[in-house]
């Protein structure tokens, strides 16, 4: 999910599906400094059974991605 800073809102909108179905999640967390912790905490609160991984995919400061897998 790379929706230019609206990732947190989209997660809230999809909360029920995430809690029931536990889809694999790939979420960009670099749009603001707050996104990094806020989105990680948000996913963990929704479904603590996810294993969370953060990877950086570029030389610059962008492209930090959260992966949530079961």
N, C-alpha and C. Protein backbone atom coordinates (compact mmCIF):
# COMPACT_ATOMS: atom_id res chain seq x y z
N UNK A 1 0.86 -1.16 0.00
CA UNK A 1 0.00 0.00 0.00
C UNK A 1 0.91 1.22 0.00
N UNK A 2 0.78 2.01 -0.99
CA UNK A 2 1.52 3.27 -1.09
C UNK A 2 0.53 4.32 -1.57
N UNK A 3 -0.15 4.93 -0.60
CA UNK A 3 -1.21 5.88 -0.95
C UNK A 3 -0.93 7.27 -0.37
N UNK A 4 0.33 7.66 -0.48
CA UNK A 4 0.78 9.03 -0.24
C UNK A 4 0.31 9.63 1.08
N UNK A 5 0.52 8.91 2.18
CA UNK A 5 0.23 9.44 3.50
C UNK A 5 -1.13 9.05 4.06
N UNK A 6 -1.94 8.37 3.30
CA UNK A 6 -3.28 7.96 3.78
C UNK A 6 -3.28 6.50 4.25
N UNK A 7 -2.13 5.92 4.46
CA UNK A 7 -2.04 4.51 4.85
C UNK A 7 -2.74 4.24 6.17
N UNK A 8 -2.55 5.11 7.15
CA UNK A 8 -3.18 4.91 8.46
C UNK A 8 -4.71 4.92 8.35
N UNK A 9 -5.25 5.85 7.59
CA UNK A 9 -6.70 5.91 7.38
C UNK A 9 -7.20 4.65 6.67
N UNK A 10 -6.47 4.18 5.69
CA UNK A 10 -6.87 2.98 4.96
C UNK A 10 -6.85 1.76 5.87
N UNK A 11 -5.87 1.69 6.76
CA UNK A 11 -5.82 0.58 7.71
C UNK A 11 -7.05 0.58 8.62
N UNK A 12 -7.43 1.76 9.09
CA UNK A 12 -8.64 1.84 9.93
C UNK A 12 -9.88 1.40 9.15
N UNK A 13 -9.97 1.80 7.92
CA UNK A 13 -11.10 1.43 7.08
C UNK A 13 -11.14 -0.09 6.89
N UNK A 14 -9.99 -0.72 6.82
CA UNK A 14 -9.90 -2.17 6.58
C UNK A 14 -9.77 -2.99 7.86
N UNK A 15 -9.94 -2.36 9.00
CA UNK A 15 -9.71 -3.02 10.29
C UNK A 15 -10.41 -4.38 10.40
N UNK A 16 -11.67 -4.44 10.08
CA UNK A 16 -12.43 -5.69 10.20
C UNK A 16 -11.85 -6.81 9.35
N UNK A 17 -11.51 -6.50 8.13
CA UNK A 17 -10.93 -7.49 7.23
C UNK A 17 -9.58 -7.96 7.76
N UNK A 18 -8.78 -7.02 8.23
CA UNK A 18 -7.46 -7.37 8.76
C UNK A 18 -7.60 -8.29 9.97
N UNK A 19 -8.51 -7.98 10.87
CA UNK A 19 -8.68 -8.79 12.08
C UNK A 19 -9.27 -10.17 11.78
N UNK A 20 -10.15 -10.26 10.79
CA UNK A 20 -10.78 -11.55 10.48
C UNK A 20 -9.94 -12.41 9.55
N UNK A 21 -9.35 -11.81 8.54
CA UNK A 21 -8.72 -12.57 7.46
C UNK A 21 -7.19 -12.60 7.50
N UNK A 22 -6.60 -11.67 8.21
CA UNK A 22 -5.14 -11.56 8.32
C UNK A 22 -4.43 -11.60 6.97
N UNK A 23 -4.77 -10.68 6.07
CA UNK A 23 -4.07 -10.67 4.78
C UNK A 23 -2.61 -10.26 4.98
N UNK A 24 -1.78 -10.65 4.04
CA UNK A 24 -0.40 -10.15 4.05
C UNK A 24 -0.46 -8.66 3.77
N UNK A 25 0.30 -7.89 4.52
CA UNK A 25 0.29 -6.44 4.36
C UNK A 25 1.68 -5.96 3.97
N UNK A 26 1.72 -5.05 3.02
CA UNK A 26 2.93 -4.35 2.62
C UNK A 26 2.56 -2.88 2.59
N UNK A 27 3.13 -2.10 3.52
CA UNK A 27 2.67 -0.73 3.72
C UNK A 27 3.87 0.22 3.73
N UNK A 28 3.83 1.23 2.90
CA UNK A 28 4.87 2.27 2.92
C UNK A 28 4.70 3.10 4.19
N UNK A 29 5.82 3.33 4.88
CA UNK A 29 5.75 4.07 6.15
C UNK A 29 6.69 5.27 6.16
N UNK A 30 6.99 5.81 5.00
CA UNK A 30 7.97 6.89 4.93
C UNK A 30 7.37 8.26 4.61
N UNK A 31 6.07 8.39 4.56
CA UNK A 31 5.49 9.67 4.14
C UNK A 31 5.61 10.76 5.19
N UNK A 32 5.72 10.38 6.45
CA UNK A 32 5.99 11.36 7.51
C UNK A 32 6.77 10.65 8.61
N UNK A 33 7.44 11.42 9.44
CA UNK A 33 8.20 10.82 10.54
C UNK A 33 7.29 10.06 11.50
N UNK A 34 6.08 10.53 11.68
CA UNK A 34 5.14 9.88 12.59
C UNK A 34 4.65 8.54 12.05
N UNK A 35 4.61 8.40 10.74
CA UNK A 35 4.11 7.16 10.13
C UNK A 35 4.85 5.93 10.61
N UNK A 36 6.15 6.05 10.77
CA UNK A 36 6.96 4.87 11.09
C UNK A 36 6.41 4.19 12.34
N UNK A 37 6.34 4.90 13.44
CA UNK A 37 5.85 4.28 14.68
C UNK A 37 4.34 4.12 14.69
N UNK A 38 3.62 5.12 14.21
CA UNK A 38 2.15 5.06 14.28
C UNK A 38 1.59 3.86 13.54
N UNK A 39 2.06 3.61 12.33
CA UNK A 39 1.52 2.51 11.54
C UNK A 39 1.95 1.16 12.11
N UNK A 40 3.19 1.06 12.57
CA UNK A 40 3.62 -0.19 13.19
C UNK A 40 2.76 -0.49 14.41
N UNK A 41 2.55 0.50 15.27
CA UNK A 41 1.71 0.32 16.46
C UNK A 41 0.27 0.01 16.08
N UNK A 42 -0.24 0.65 15.06
CA UNK A 42 -1.61 0.45 14.61
C UNK A 42 -1.83 -0.99 14.15
N UNK A 43 -0.92 -1.49 13.34
CA UNK A 43 -1.05 -2.87 12.86
C UNK A 43 -0.93 -3.85 14.03
N UNK A 44 0.03 -3.61 14.92
CA UNK A 44 0.20 -4.50 16.07
C UNK A 44 -1.04 -4.51 16.96
N UNK A 45 -1.64 -3.35 17.16
CA UNK A 45 -2.86 -3.27 17.99
C UNK A 45 -4.02 -4.01 17.34
N UNK A 46 -4.15 -3.91 16.03
CA UNK A 46 -5.23 -4.58 15.31
C UNK A 46 -5.10 -6.10 15.35
N UNK A 47 -3.88 -6.57 15.14
CA UNK A 47 -3.65 -8.01 15.01
C UNK A 47 -2.26 -8.34 15.54
N UNK A 48 -2.15 -8.52 16.87
CA UNK A 48 -0.83 -8.76 17.47
C UNK A 48 -0.15 -10.05 17.01
N UNK A 49 -0.89 -10.92 16.36
CA UNK A 49 -0.30 -12.17 15.88
C UNK A 49 0.56 -12.00 14.63
N UNK A 50 0.47 -10.84 13.99
CA UNK A 50 1.34 -10.58 12.85
C UNK A 50 2.80 -10.52 13.28
N UNK A 51 3.68 -11.01 12.43
CA UNK A 51 5.11 -10.77 12.57
C UNK A 51 5.40 -9.56 11.69
N UNK A 52 6.05 -8.56 12.26
CA UNK A 52 6.28 -7.30 11.57
C UNK A 52 7.75 -7.15 11.20
N UNK A 53 7.97 -6.72 9.97
CA UNK A 53 9.32 -6.50 9.45
C UNK A 53 9.36 -5.15 8.76
N UNK A 54 10.44 -4.42 8.96
CA UNK A 54 10.63 -3.15 8.26
C UNK A 54 11.87 -3.29 7.39
N UNK A 55 11.72 -2.92 6.13
CA UNK A 55 12.83 -2.97 5.19
C UNK A 55 12.96 -1.62 4.49
N UNK A 56 14.18 -1.29 4.14
CA UNK A 56 14.47 -0.06 3.42
C UNK A 56 14.92 -0.45 2.02
N UNK A 57 14.29 0.12 0.98
CA UNK A 57 14.49 -0.34 -0.39
C UNK A 57 15.13 0.68 -1.33
N UNK A 58 15.88 1.64 -0.79
CA UNK A 58 16.56 2.58 -1.69
C UNK A 58 17.77 3.18 -0.98
N UNK A 59 18.55 3.91 -1.73
CA UNK A 59 19.72 4.57 -1.16
C UNK A 59 19.30 5.81 -0.38
N UNK A 60 18.25 6.48 -0.82
CA UNK A 60 17.77 7.71 -0.18
C UNK A 60 17.00 7.43 1.10
N UNK A 61 16.29 8.46 1.56
CA UNK A 61 15.54 8.33 2.81
C UNK A 61 14.16 7.71 2.63
N UNK A 62 13.70 7.63 1.40
CA UNK A 62 12.37 7.07 1.15
C UNK A 62 12.41 5.56 1.04
N UNK A 63 11.25 5.00 0.84
CA UNK A 63 11.07 3.57 0.56
C UNK A 63 11.22 2.67 1.78
N UNK A 64 10.84 3.15 2.95
CA UNK A 64 10.74 2.27 4.11
C UNK A 64 9.38 1.57 4.03
N UNK A 65 9.40 0.26 4.16
CA UNK A 65 8.19 -0.53 3.97
C UNK A 65 8.01 -1.46 5.17
N UNK A 66 6.77 -1.51 5.68
CA UNK A 66 6.40 -2.45 6.73
C UNK A 66 5.75 -3.66 6.09
N UNK A 67 6.22 -4.83 6.47
CA UNK A 67 5.60 -6.09 6.04
C UNK A 67 4.98 -6.73 7.27
N UNK A 68 3.73 -7.16 7.16
CA UNK A 68 3.03 -7.84 8.24
C UNK A 68 2.58 -9.20 7.73
N UNK A 69 3.08 -10.25 8.34
CA UNK A 69 2.83 -11.61 7.86
C UNK A 69 2.44 -12.52 9.02
N UNK A 70 1.68 -13.53 8.68
CA UNK A 70 1.34 -14.56 9.67
C UNK A 70 2.01 -15.84 9.24
